[in-house]
PDB file of N, CA and C in Angstrom:
ATOM      1  N   UNK A   1       6.740  14.741 -15.302  1.00  0.00           N
ATOM      2  CA  UNK A   1       7.449  13.418 -15.389  1.00  0.00           C
ATOM      3  C   UNK A   1       7.159  12.593 -16.786  1.00  0.00           C
ATOM      4  N   UNK A   2       8.391  12.105 -17.277  1.00  0.00           N
ATOM      5  CA  UNK A   2       7.864  11.480 -18.093  1.00  0.00           C
ATOM      6  C   UNK A   2       7.804  10.249 -18.177  1.00  0.00           C
ATOM      7  N   UNK A   3       7.127   9.692 -19.327  1.00  0.00           N
ATOM      8  CA  UNK A   3       6.796   8.085 -19.200  1.00  0.00           C
ATOM      9  C   UNK A   3       7.685   7.079 -18.851  1.00  0.00           C
ATOM     10  N   UNK A   4       8.829   7.329 -19.249  1.00  0.00           N
ATOM     11  CA  UNK A   4       9.817   6.823 -19.130  1.00  0.00           C
ATOM     12  C   UNK A   4      10.278   7.165 -17.496  1.00  0.00           C
ATOM     13  N   UNK A   5      10.377   7.700 -17.016  1.00  0.00           N
ATOM     14  CA  UNK A   5      10.617   7.690 -15.714  1.00  0.00           C
ATOM     15  C   UNK A   5       9.486   6.971 -14.637  1.00  0.00           C
ATOM     16  N   UNK A   6       8.255   7.264 -15.097  1.00  0.00           N
ATOM     17  CA  UNK A   6       7.066   6.352 -14.532  1.00  0.00           C
ATOM     18  C   UNK A   6       7.448   4.847 -14.363  1.00  0.00           C
ATOM     19  N   UNK A   7       7.537   4.401 -15.666  1.00  0.00           N
ATOM     20  CA  UNK A   7       8.209   2.978 -16.066  1.00  0.00           C
ATOM     21  C   UNK A   7       9.469   2.826 -15.181  1.00  0.00           C
ATOM     22  N   UNK A   8      10.359   3.265 -15.223  1.00  0.00           N
ATOM     23  CA  UNK A   8      11.926   3.074 -14.520  1.00  0.00           C
ATOM     24  C   UNK A   8      11.243   3.041 -12.653  1.00  0.00           C
ATOM     25  N   UNK A   9      10.544   3.801 -12.435  1.00  0.00           N
ATOM     26  CA  UNK A   9       9.925   3.798 -10.961  1.00  0.00           C
ATOM     27  C   UNK A   9       9.192   2.470 -10.600  1.00  0.00           C
ATOM     28  N   UNK A  10       8.180   2.222 -11.622  1.00  0.00           N
ATOM     29  CA  UNK A  10       7.524   1.270 -11.170  1.00  0.00           C
ATOM     30  C   UNK A  10       8.459  -0.444 -11.298  1.00  0.00           C
ATOM     31  N   UNK A  11       9.369  -0.209 -12.154  1.00  0.00           N
ATOM     32  CA  UNK A  11      10.294  -1.946 -12.092  1.00  0.00           C
ATOM     33  C   UNK A  11      11.024  -1.626 -10.903  1.00  0.00           C
ATOM     34  N   UNK A  12      11.295  -0.190 -10.183  1.00  0.00           N
ATOM     35  CA  UNK A  12      12.327  -0.325  -9.268  1.00  0.00           C
ATOM     36  C   UNK A  12      11.521  -0.559  -8.304  1.00  0.00           C
ATOM     37  N   UNK A  13      10.121  -0.066  -8.091  1.00  0.00           N
ATOM     38  CA  UNK A  13       9.122  -0.848  -6.894  1.00  0.00           C
ATOM     39  C   UNK A  13       9.285  -2.222  -6.759  1.00  0.00           C
ATOM     40  N   UNK A  14       8.756  -2.598  -8.245  1.00  0.00           N
ATOM     41  CA  UNK A  14       8.571  -4.107  -8.093  1.00  0.00           C
ATOM     42  C   UNK A  14       9.759  -4.965  -7.568  1.00  0.00           C
ATOM     43  N   UNK A  15      10.870  -4.412  -8.204  1.00  0.00           N
ATOM     44  CA  UNK A  15      12.038  -4.952  -8.025  1.00  0.00           C
ATOM     45  C   UNK A  15      12.716  -5.438  -6.479  1.00  0.00           C
ATOM     46  N   UNK A  16      12.471  -3.946  -5.940  1.00  0.00           N
ATOM     47  CA  UNK A  16      12.347  -3.651  -4.222  1.00  0.00           C
ATOM     48  C   UNK A  16      11.684  -4.872  -3.618  1.00  0.00           C
ATOM     49  N   UNK A  17      10.378  -5.085  -4.300  1.00  0.00           N
ATOM     50  CA  UNK A  17       9.559  -5.861  -3.387  1.00  0.00           C
ATOM     51  C   UNK A  17       9.871  -7.223  -3.689  1.00  0.00           C
ATOM     52  N   UNK A  18      10.264  -7.431  -4.826  1.00  0.00           N
ATOM     53  CA  UNK A  18      10.287  -8.598  -4.935  1.00  0.00           C
ATOM     54  C   UNK A  18      11.805  -9.440  -4.051  1.00  0.00           C
ATOM     55  N   UNK A  19      12.614  -8.270  -3.865  1.00  0.00           N
ATOM     56  CA  UNK A  19      14.050  -8.898  -2.919  1.00  0.00           C
ATOM     57  C   UNK A  19      13.497  -8.797  -1.561  1.00  0.00           C
ATOM     58  N   UNK A  20      12.764  -7.707  -1.412  1.00  0.00           N
ATOM     59  CA  UNK A  20      11.889  -7.578   0.482  1.00  0.00           C
ATOM     60  C   UNK A  20      11.626  -8.690   0.891  1.00  0.00           C
ATOM     61  N   UNK A  21      10.460  -9.011   0.543  1.00  0.00           N
ATOM     62  CA  UNK A  21       9.421 -10.079   0.748  1.00  0.00           C
ATOM     63  C   UNK A  21       9.812 -11.357   1.191  1.00  0.00           C
ATOM     64  N   UNK A  22      10.875 -11.378   0.248  1.00  0.00           N
ATOM     65  CA  UNK A  22      11.588 -12.983   0.658  1.00  0.00           C
ATOM     66  C   UNK A  22      12.302 -12.831   1.835  1.00  0.00           C
ATOM     67  N   UNK A  23      13.073 -11.663   1.809  1.00  0.00           N
ATOM     68  CA  UNK A  23      14.340 -11.161   2.859  1.00  0.00           C
ATOM     69  C   UNK A  23      13.502 -11.242   4.341  1.00  0.00           C
ATOM     70  N   UNK A  24      12.297 -10.469   4.406  1.00  0.00           N
ATOM     71  CA  UNK A  24      11.248 -10.259   5.430  1.00  0.00           C
ATOM     72  C   UNK A  24      10.861 -11.882   5.512  1.00  0.00           C
ATOM     73  N   UNK A  25      10.426 -12.501   5.079  1.00  0.00           N
ATOM     74  CA  UNK A  25       9.874 -13.794   5.884  1.00  0.00           C
ATOM     75  C   UNK A  25      10.994 -14.633   6.283  1.00  0.00           C
ATOM     76  N   UNK A  26      12.081 -14.475   5.526  1.00  0.00           N
ATOM     77  CA  UNK A  26      13.084 -15.534   6.389  1.00  0.00           C
ATOM     78  C   UNK A  26      13.665 -14.808   7.923  1.00  0.00           C
ATOM     79  N   UNK A  27      13.528 -13.401   7.777  1.00  0.00           N
ATOM     80  CA  UNK A  27      13.888 -12.828   9.146  1.00  0.00           C
ATOM     81  C   UNK A  27      12.472 -13.081  10.264  1.00  0.00           C
ATOM     82  N   UNK A  28      11.516 -13.421   9.518  1.00  0.00           N
ATOM     83  CA  UNK A  28       9.839 -13.612  10.465  1.00  0.00           C
ATOM     84  C   UNK A  28       9.274 -12.556  10.575  1.00  0.00           C
ATOM     85  N   UNK A  29       9.667 -11.770   9.923  1.00  0.00           N
ATOM     86  CA  UNK A  29       8.481 -10.452  10.034  1.00  0.00           C
ATOM     87  C   UNK A  29       7.766 -10.375   8.923  1.00  0.00           C
ATOM     88  N   UNK A  30       6.673  -9.631   8.926  1.00  0.00           N
ATOM     89  CA  UNK A  30       5.440 -10.077   7.648  1.00  0.00           C
ATOM     90  C   UNK A  30       5.926  -9.411   6.789  1.00  0.00           C
ATOM     91  N   UNK A  31       5.159  -9.734   5.365  1.00  0.00           N
ATOM     92  CA  UNK A  31       5.369  -9.306   3.968  1.00  0.00           C
ATOM     93  C   UNK A  31       5.072  -7.866   4.075  1.00  0.00           C
ATOM     94  N   UNK A  32       3.804  -7.154   4.815  1.00  0.00           N
ATOM     95  CA  UNK A  32       3.743  -6.254   4.701  1.00  0.00           C
ATOM     96  C   UNK A  32       5.060  -5.023   5.275  1.00  0.00           C
ATOM     97  N   UNK A  33       5.417  -5.492   6.645  1.00  0.00           N
ATOM     98  CA  UNK A  33       6.649  -4.667   6.864  1.00  0.00           C
ATOM     99  C   UNK A  33       8.033  -4.880   5.943  1.00  0.00           C
ATOM    100  N   UNK A  34       8.203  -5.923   5.168  1.00  0.00           N
ATOM    101  CA  UNK A  34       8.985  -5.822   4.267  1.00  0.00           C
ATOM    102  C   UNK A  34       8.702  -4.700   3.080  1.00  0.00           C
ATOM    103  N   UNK A  35       7.631  -4.773   2.761  1.00  0.00           N
ATOM    104  CA  UNK A  35       7.187  -4.108   1.685  1.00  0.00           C
ATOM    105  C   UNK A  35       7.180  -2.424   2.161  1.00  0.00           C
ATOM    106  N   UNK A  36       7.076  -2.080   3.368  1.00  0.00           N
ATOM    107  CA  UNK A  36       7.725  -0.327   3.839  1.00  0.00           C
ATOM    108  C   UNK A  36       9.140  -0.605   3.940  1.00  0.00           C
ATOM    109  N   UNK A  37       9.765  -1.627   4.167  1.00  0.00           N
ATOM    110  CA  UNK A  37      11.037  -1.390   4.295  1.00  0.00           C
ATOM    111  C   UNK A  37      11.935  -1.157   3.231  1.00  0.00           C
ATOM    112  N   UNK A  38      11.124  -1.937   2.127  1.00  0.00           N
ATOM    113  CA  UNK A  38      11.660  -1.541   0.923  1.00  0.00           C
ATOM    114  C   UNK A  38      11.527  -0.079   0.475  1.00  0.00           C
ATOM    115  N   UNK A  39      10.387   0.234   0.970  1.00  0.00           N
ATOM    116  CA  UNK A  39      10.024   1.459   0.221  1.00  0.00           C
ATOM    117  C   UNK A  39      10.803   2.765   0.715  1.00  0.00           C
ATOM    118  N   UNK A  40      10.628   2.431   2.386  1.00  0.00           N
ATOM    119  CA  UNK A  40      12.248   3.383   2.778  1.00  0.00           C
ATOM    120  C   UNK A  40      13.175   3.437   2.213  1.00  0.00           C
ATOM    121  N   UNK A  41      13.875   2.208   2.101  1.00  0.00           N
ATOM    122  CA  UNK A  41      15.332   1.802   1.250  1.00  0.00           C
ATOM    123  C   UNK A  41      15.607   2.554   0.016  1.00  0.00           C
ATOM    124  N   UNK A  42      14.324   2.562  -0.868  1.00  0.00           N
ATOM    125  CA  UNK A  42      14.752   3.224  -2.287  1.00  0.00           C
ATOM    126  C   UNK A  42      13.644   4.518  -1.983  1.00  0.00           C
ATOM    127  N   UNK A  43      13.187   4.880  -1.253  1.00  0.00           N
ATOM    128  CA  UNK A  43      13.068   6.152  -1.418  1.00  0.00           C
ATOM    129  C   UNK A  43      13.481   7.465  -0.988  1.00  0.00           C
ATOM    130  N   UNK A  44      13.185   8.731  -0.913  1.00  0.00           N
ATOM    131  CA  UNK A  44      14.112   9.773  -0.512  1.00  0.00           C
ATOM    132  C   UNK A  44      14.811   9.941   0.458  1.00  0.00           C
ATOM    133  N   UNK A  45      14.438   9.211   1.627  1.00  0.00           N
ATOM    134  CA  UNK A  45      14.859   9.172   2.815  1.00  0.00           C
ATOM    135  C   UNK A  45      16.159   8.165   2.985  1.00  0.00           C
ATOM    136  N   UNK A  46      16.207   6.943   2.206  1.00  0.00           N
ATOM    137  CA  UNK A  46      16.442   5.942   2.598  1.00  0.00           C
ATOM    138  C   UNK A  46      18.101   6.402   1.374  1.00  0.00           C
ATOM    139  N   UNK A  47      18.408   5.261   0.163  1.00  0.00           N
ATOM    140  CA  UNK A  47      19.266   5.521  -0.735  1.00  0.00           C
ATOM    141  C   UNK A  47      18.877   6.302  -1.522  1.00  0.00           C
ATOM    142  N   UNK A  48      17.630   6.932  -1.955  1.00  0.00           N
ATOM    143  CA  UNK A  48      17.524   7.971  -2.799  1.00  0.00           C
ATOM    144  C   UNK A  48      17.132   7.828  -4.240  1.00  0.00           C
ATOM    145  N   UNK A  49      16.960   6.142  -4.568  1.00  0.00           N
ATOM    146  CA  UNK A  49      16.772   6.102  -5.903  1.00  0.00           C
ATOM    147  C   UNK A  49      15.601   6.649  -6.429  1.00  0.00           C
ATOM    148  N   UNK A  50      14.369   6.998  -5.800  1.00  0.00           N
ATOM    149  CA  UNK A  50      13.393   7.534  -5.884  1.00  0.00           C
ATOM    150  C   UNK A  50      13.313   8.924  -5.330  1.00  0.00           C
ATOM    151  N   UNK A  51      13.555   9.954  -5.811  1.00  0.00           N
ATOM    152  CA  UNK A  51      13.494  11.379  -5.110  1.00  0.00           C
ATOM    153  C   UNK A  51      12.506  12.057  -5.320  1.00  0.00           C
ATOM    154  N   UNK A  52      11.710  11.841  -6.588  1.00  0.00           N
ATOM    155  CA  UNK A  52      10.708  12.741  -6.966  1.00  0.00           C
ATOM    156  C   UNK A  52       9.502  12.184  -5.826  1.00  0.00           C
ATOM    157  N   UNK A  53       8.823  12.840  -5.082  1.00  0.00           N
ATOM    158  CA  UNK A  53       7.580  12.891  -3.972  1.00  0.00           C
ATOM    159  C   UNK A  53       6.184  12.393  -4.895  1.00  0.00           C
ATOM    160  N   UNK A  54       6.378  13.194  -6.127  1.00  0.00           N
ATOM    161  CA  UNK A  54       4.955  13.097  -6.725  1.00  0.00           C
ATOM    162  C   UNK A  54       4.969  12.236  -7.506  1.00  0.00           C
ATOM    163  N   UNK A  55       5.968  11.609  -7.796  1.00  0.00           N
ATOM    164  CA  UNK A  55       6.283  10.069  -8.308  1.00  0.00           C
ATOM    165  C   UNK A  55       5.717   9.022  -7.274  1.00  0.00           C
ATOM    166  N   UNK A  56       6.417   9.152  -5.806  1.00  0.00           N
ATOM    167  CA  UNK A  56       5.520   8.373  -4.968  1.00  0.00           C
ATOM    168  C   UNK A  56       4.383   8.369  -4.926  1.00  0.00           C
ATOM    169  N   UNK A  57       3.438   9.487  -4.951  1.00  0.00           N
ATOM    170  CA  UNK A  57       2.140   9.875  -4.791  1.00  0.00           C
ATOM    171  C   UNK A  57       1.708   9.229  -5.930  1.00  0.00           C
ATOM    172  N   UNK A  58       1.652   9.249  -7.014  1.00  0.00           N
ATOM    173  CA  UNK A  58       1.280   8.538  -8.030  1.00  0.00           C
ATOM    174  C   UNK A  58       1.200   7.083  -7.746  1.00  0.00           C
ATOM    175  N   UNK A  59       1.924   6.227  -7.408  1.00  0.00           N
ATOM    176  CA  UNK A  59       2.225   4.967  -7.428  1.00  0.00           C
ATOM    177  C   UNK A  59       1.167   4.865  -6.122  1.00  0.00           C
ATOM    178  N   UNK A  60       1.473   5.381  -4.609  1.00  0.00           N
ATOM    179  CA  UNK A  60       0.266   5.156  -3.515  1.00  0.00           C
ATOM    180  C   UNK A  60      -0.943   5.400  -3.960  1.00  0.00           C
ATOM    181  N   UNK A  61      -1.381   5.811  -5.324  1.00  0.00           N
ATOM    182  CA  UNK A  61      -2.667   6.212  -5.375  1.00  0.00           C
ATOM    183  C   UNK A  61      -3.377   4.917  -6.295  1.00  0.00           C
ATOM    184  N   UNK A  62      -2.303   4.517  -6.741  1.00  0.00           N
ATOM    185  CA  UNK A  62      -2.590   3.331  -7.667  1.00  0.00           C
ATOM    186  C   UNK A  62      -2.670   2.099  -6.703  1.00  0.00           C
ATOM    187  N   UNK A  63      -1.643   2.135  -5.970  1.00  0.00           N
ATOM    188  CA  UNK A  63      -1.666   0.808  -4.860  1.00  0.00           C
ATOM    189  C   UNK A  63      -3.133   0.536  -4.014  1.00  0.00           C
ATOM    190  N   UNK A  64      -3.765   2.448  -3.761  1.00  0.00           N
ATOM    191  CA  UNK A  64      -5.069   2.255  -2.891  1.00  0.00           C
ATOM    192  C   UNK A  64      -6.391   1.958  -4.235  1.00  0.00           C
ATOM    193  N   UNK A  65      -5.892   2.051  -5.573  1.00  0.00           N
ATOM    194  CA  UNK A  65      -6.957   1.653  -5.848  1.00  0.00           C
ATOM    195  C   UNK A  65      -6.966  -0.027  -6.235  1.00  0.00           C
ATOM    196  N   UNK A  66      -5.992  -0.346  -6.487  1.00  0.00           N
ATOM    197  CA  UNK A  66      -5.990  -1.707  -6.469  1.00  0.00           C
ATOM    198  C   UNK A  66      -6.327  -2.502  -5.055  1.00  0.00           C
ATOM    199  N   UNK A  67      -6.191  -1.817  -3.803  1.00  0.00           N
ATOM    200  CA  UNK A  67      -6.239  -2.252  -2.610  1.00  0.00           C
ATOM    201  C   UNK A  67      -8.274  -2.214  -2.708  1.00  0.00           C
ATOM    202  N   UNK A  68      -8.572  -1.165  -3.048  1.00  0.00           N
ATOM    203  CA  UNK A  68     -10.317  -1.084  -3.323  1.00  0.00           C
ATOM    204  C   UNK A  68     -10.679  -2.155  -4.334  1.00  0.00           C
ATOM    205  N   UNK A  69     -10.017  -2.500  -5.092  1.00  0.00           N
ATOM    206  CA  UNK A  69     -10.468  -3.617  -6.025  1.00  0.00           C
ATOM    207  C   UNK A  69     -10.504  -4.929  -5.379  1.00  0.00           C
ATOM    208  N   UNK A  70      -9.237  -5.101  -4.356  1.00  0.00           N
ATOM    209  CA  UNK A  70      -9.312  -6.548  -3.952  1.00  0.00           C
ATOM    210  C   UNK A  70     -10.523  -6.768  -2.850  1.00  0.00           C
ATOM    211  N   UNK A  71     -10.462  -5.675  -2.011  1.00  0.00           N
ATOM    212  CA  UNK A  71     -10.952  -5.493  -1.058  1.00  0.00           C
ATOM    213  C   UNK A  71     -12.720  -5.867  -1.210  1.00  0.00           C
ATOM    214  N   UNK A  72     -13.173  -4.999  -2.419  1.00  0.00           N
ATOM    215  CA  UNK A  72     -14.574  -4.814  -2.762  1.00  0.00           C
ATOM    216  C   UNK A  72     -15.232  -5.929  -3.153  1.00  0.00           C
ATOM    217  N   UNK A  73     -15.145  -6.979  -3.837  1.00  0.00           N
ATOM    218  CA  UNK A  73     -15.942  -8.238  -4.118  1.00  0.00           C
ATOM    219  C   UNK A  73     -15.789  -9.280  -2.850  1.00  0.00           C
ATOM    220  N   UNK A  74     -14.744  -8.789  -1.570  1.00  0.00           N
ATOM    221  CA  UNK A  74     -14.815  -9.928  -0.671  1.00  0.00           C
ATOM    222  C   UNK A  74     -15.494  -9.492   0.422  1.00  0.00           C
ATOM    223  N   UNK A  75     -16.331  -8.273   0.209  1.00  0.00           N
ATOM    224  CA  UNK A  75     -17.109  -7.552   1.440  1.00  0.00           C
ATOM    225  C   UNK A  75     -18.478  -7.871   1.025  1.00  0.00           C
ATOM    226  N   UNK A  76     -19.516  -8.301   2.145  1.00  0.00           N
ATOM    227  CA  UNK A  76     -20.790  -8.713   1.783  1.00  0.00           C
ATOM    228  C   UNK A  76     -21.910  -7.710   2.270  1.00  0.00           C
ATOM    229  N   UNK A  77     -22.485  -7.153   1.115  1.00  0.00           N
ATOM    230  CA  UNK A  77     -23.525  -5.890   1.432  1.00  0.00           C
ATOM    231  C   UNK A  77     -24.712  -6.174   2.458  1.00  0.00           C
ATOM    232  N   UNK A  78     -25.473  -7.571   2.700  1.00  0.00           N
ATOM    233  CA  UNK A  78     -26.306  -7.528   3.825  1.00  0.00           C
ATOM    234  C   UNK A  78     -25.802  -7.724   4.971  1.00  0.00           C
ATOM    235  N   UNK A  79     -24.559  -7.709   4.954  1.00  0.00           N
ATOM    236  CA  UNK A  79     -24.149  -7.666   6.641  1.00  0.00           C
ATOM    237  C   UNK A  79     -23.661  -6.347   7.058  1.00  0.00           C
ATOM    238  N   UNK A  80     -23.776  -5.064   6.374  1.00  0.00           N
ATOM    239  CA  UNK A  80     -23.769  -3.760   6.695  1.00  0.00           C
ATOM    240  C   UNK A  80     -25.046  -3.305   7.449  1.00  0.00           C
ATOM    241  N   UNK A  81     -26.312  -4.217   7.270  1.00  0.00           N
ATOM    242  CA  UNK A  81     -27.253  -3.605   8.352  1.00  0.00           C
ATOM    243  C   UNK A  81     -27.072  -4.125   9.599  1.00  0.00           C
ATOM    244  N   UNK A  82     -26.400  -4.971   9.860  1.00  0.00           N
ATOM    245  CA  UNK A  82     -26.138  -5.519  11.069  1.00  0.00           C
ATOM    246  C   UNK A  82     -25.349  -4.598  11.746  1.00  0.00           C
ATOM    247  N   UNK A  83     -24.752  -3.341  11.458  1.00  0.00           N
ATOM    248  CA  UNK A  83     -24.061  -2.978  12.135  1.00  0.00           C
ATOM    249  C   UNK A  83     -24.687  -1.175  12.198  1.00  0.00           C
ATOM    250  N   UNK A  84     -25.664  -1.228  11.946  1.00  0.00           N
ATOM    251  CA  UNK A  84     -26.422   0.345  12.042  1.00  0.00           C
ATOM    252  C   UNK A  84     -27.115   0.505  13.270  1.00  0.00           C
ATOM    253  N   UNK A  85     -27.460  -0.257  13.988  1.00  0.00           N
ATOM    254  CA  UNK A  85     -27.929  -0.008  15.233  1.00  0.00           C
ATOM    255  C   UNK A  85     -26.764   0.236  16.626  1.00  0.00           C
ATOM    256  N   UNK A  86     -25.675  -0.451  16.571  1.00  0.00           N
ATOM    257  CA  UNK A  86     -24.705  -0.316  17.544  1.00  0.00           C
ATOM    258  C   UNK A  86     -23.985   0.846  16.853  1.00  0.00           C
ATOM    259  N   UNK A  87     -23.598   1.249  15.753  1.00  0.00           N
ATOM    260  CA  UNK A  87     -22.891   2.392  15.384  1.00  0.00           C
ATOM    261  C   UNK A  87     -23.975   3.755  15.536  1.00  0.00           C
ATOM    262  N   UNK A  88     -25.039   3.978  15.185  1.00  0.00           N
ATOM    263  CA  UNK A  88     -25.867   4.983  15.591  1.00  0.00           C
ATOM    264  C   UNK A  88     -25.854   4.689  17.205  1.00  0.00           C
ATOM    265  N   UNK A  89     -26.218   3.803  17.665  1.00  0.00           N
ATOM    266  CA  UNK A  89     -26.006   4.089  19.576  1.00  0.00           C
ATOM    267  C   UNK A  89     -24.726   4.378  19.932  1.00  0.00           C
ATOM    268  N   UNK A  90     -23.672   4.332  19.124  1.00  0.00           N
ATOM    269  CA  UNK A  90     -22.187   4.789  19.822  1.00  0.00           C
ATOM    270  C   UNK A  90     -22.297   5.964  19.527  1.00  0.00           C
ATOM    271  N   UNK A  91     -22.893   6.711  18.362  1.00  0.00           N
ATOM    272  CA  UNK A  91     -22.752   8.162  17.984  1.00  0.00           C
ATOM    273  C   UNK A  91     -23.469   8.831  19.026  1.00  0.00           C
ATOM    274  N   UNK A  92     -24.708   8.377  19.288  1.00  0.00           N
ATOM    275  CA  UNK A  92     -25.805   9.221  20.114  1.00  0.00           C
ATOM    276  C   UNK A  92     -25.245   9.450  21.595  1.00  0.00           C
ATOM    277  N   UNK A  93     -24.184   8.488  21.940  1.00  0.00           N
ATOM    278  CA  UNK A  93     -23.534   8.658  23.081  1.00  0.00           C
ATOM    279  C   UNK A  93     -22.625  10.086  22.906  1.00  0.00           C
ATOM    280  N   UNK A  94     -21.783  10.112  21.945  1.00  0.00           N
ATOM    281  CA  UNK A  94     -20.721  11.190  21.899  1.00  0.00           C
ATOM    282  C   UNK A  94     -21.578  12.597  21.669  1.00  0.00           C
TER     283      UNK A  94
END
């Protein structure tokens, strides 16, 4: 996959998101559902603007990395210790 194809795909994903999220807000559905509908619309099973599944996988991996960077600082490590006893008790029952 050439770099220009990757750039064009990124611009297309961003354009679809910019259009879909306000439209989803007006319809009263959530932004996440708007993102999903935009992805379905431009993907291989929709209008087919992006037909290379490997290209979609690259963008999904990038999205997961960004999500982990967003969630990471908001988690509080000392609170993890509170979950140890209930989760181990649940594991022993199974």
